[in-house]
Structure formats: C-alpha cells, structure tokens
C-alpha cells in the first residue's frame, strides 16, 4: 500500500460511506455483510485504498439512503484526513 490521495474519488467516496454509515449507527462488519463485501474489502473502500464497483456503490447508496452525488461530494475538510493533527479523533 502507498500514500492515499485524499482528493481522489476513491478516498472521498470511502470517507463519505464511513460518515453516513456511522450516522446510521451501523457496524462495519454488519454493513459489509449487508453489502456482500468482505470486511477487508469494505475497510479498503472506506480508507480510499480501493475503488467500489458501480453495483456495490448503488447498494451502498440504497442502504444508507443517500444519492451517488452525495457519496461523491468532497467536503472542505475530509473527516480524519490528517491524523497527525487529529490524534484524538476516532475514525
């Protein structure tokens, strides 16, 4: 693995999936099973280390109740983008 580009589509989508999943109070393992993704793949998607297939993205959107545009929306400050500054933030 290498350095993850925090402005890449994969990272932005992954961070938004994490954010909306946590807002739904879903557990990562449960979410991964619901979306037929293994936990390591799901973790890689949330961390921006791997992309998400279109059919999986559609299932994620439906499960979270958000649109694909919402998942692709880049915030001014992505959550947990710089863990050296936000050491006390739990991601």
Protein backbone atom coordinates (compact mmCIF):
# COMPACT_ATOMS: atom_id res chain seq x y z
CA UNK A 1 0.00 0.00 0.00
CA UNK A 2 1.09 3.56 -0.57
CA UNK A 3 0.03 7.06 0.20
CA UNK A 4 -3.67 7.65 -0.35
CA UNK A 5 -4.63 10.79 -2.31
CA UNK A 6 -7.22 12.48 -0.09
CA UNK A 7 -8.67 14.24 -3.14
CA UNK A 8 -9.15 11.05 -5.16
CA UNK A 9 -12.68 9.86 -5.92
CA UNK A 10 -11.94 6.61 -4.06
CA UNK A 11 -10.93 8.42 -0.87
CA UNK A 12 -13.83 10.89 -0.98
CA UNK A 13 -16.40 8.15 -1.59
CA UNK A 14 -14.85 5.96 1.11
CA UNK A 15 -14.88 8.75 3.69
CA UNK A 16 -18.49 9.60 2.86
CA UNK A 17 -19.50 5.94 3.12
CA UNK A 18 -17.84 5.83 6.56
CA UNK A 19 -19.53 9.07 7.64
CA UNK A 20 -23.05 8.06 6.58
CA UNK A 21 -22.60 4.50 7.89
CA UNK A 22 -21.67 5.90 11.30
CA UNK A 23 -24.62 8.30 11.19
CA UNK A 24 -26.85 5.26 10.64
CA UNK A 25 -25.14 3.68 13.67
CA UNK A 26 -24.22 0.67 11.56
CA UNK A 27 -21.36 -1.58 12.48
CA UNK A 28 -18.70 -2.11 9.81
CA UNK A 29 -18.93 -5.90 9.94
CA UNK A 30 -22.72 -5.84 9.67
CA UNK A 31 -22.58 -3.30 6.84
CA UNK A 32 -20.01 -5.37 4.98
CA UNK A 33 -22.23 -8.44 5.21
CA UNK A 34 -25.29 -6.47 4.09
CA UNK A 35 -23.44 -5.21 1.03
CA UNK A 36 -21.86 -8.62 0.32
CA UNK A 37 -18.37 -7.21 0.73
CA UNK A 38 -15.81 -8.84 2.97
CA UNK A 39 -14.60 -6.74 5.89
CA UNK A 40 -11.07 -6.22 4.41
CA UNK A 41 -12.53 -5.05 1.08
CA UNK A 42 -15.03 -2.81 2.87
CA UNK A 43 -12.25 -1.36 5.02
CA UNK A 44 -10.13 -0.72 1.90
CA UNK A 45 -13.04 1.15 0.30
CA UNK A 46 -13.62 3.32 3.38
CA UNK A 47 -9.90 4.09 3.60
CA UNK A 48 -9.73 5.05 -0.08
CA UNK A 49 -7.28 2.25 -0.84
CA UNK A 50 -9.60 0.62 -3.38
CA UNK A 51 -12.47 1.69 -5.56
CA UNK A 52 -16.02 0.49 -5.26
CA UNK A 53 -17.80 -1.22 -8.14
CA UNK A 54 -20.86 0.56 -9.51
CA UNK A 55 -23.29 -2.18 -8.42
CA UNK A 56 -21.80 -2.12 -4.92
CA UNK A 57 -21.95 1.69 -4.83
CA UNK A 58 -25.63 1.56 -5.76
CA UNK A 59 -26.29 -0.94 -2.96
CA UNK A 60 -24.37 1.26 -0.51
CA UNK A 61 -26.40 4.32 -1.55
CA UNK A 62 -29.65 2.43 -1.12
CA UNK A 63 -28.60 1.05 2.28
CA UNK A 64 -27.52 4.47 3.53
CA UNK A 65 -30.41 6.36 1.95
CA UNK A 66 -28.13 8.75 0.05
CA UNK A 67 -27.53 9.53 -3.62
CA UNK A 68 -24.35 8.78 -5.55
CA UNK A 69 -23.81 12.55 -5.81
CA UNK A 70 -23.84 12.71 -2.01
CA UNK A 71 -21.18 9.99 -1.79
CA UNK A 72 -19.00 11.87 -4.28
CA UNK A 73 -19.35 15.24 -2.52
CA UNK A 74 -15.94 16.46 -1.33
CA UNK A 75 -16.08 18.37 1.93
CA UNK A 76 -13.72 21.27 2.63
CA UNK A 77 -12.12 19.18 5.35
CA UNK A 78 -12.43 15.44 4.76
CA UNK A 79 -13.00 13.55 8.04
CA UNK A 80 -9.78 12.18 9.51
CA UNK A 81 -7.68 13.36 6.55
CA UNK A 82 -4.73 14.30 8.75
CA UNK A 83 -4.45 12.00 11.74
CA UNK A 84 -1.23 13.70 12.89
CA UNK A 85 -3.27 16.81 13.74
CA UNK A 86 -6.40 14.97 14.85
CA UNK A 87 -4.78 12.36 17.05
CA UNK A 88 -7.75 12.19 19.39
CA UNK A 89 -10.28 11.73 16.60
CA UNK A 90 -11.66 8.21 16.34
CA UNK A 91 -12.26 7.21 12.75
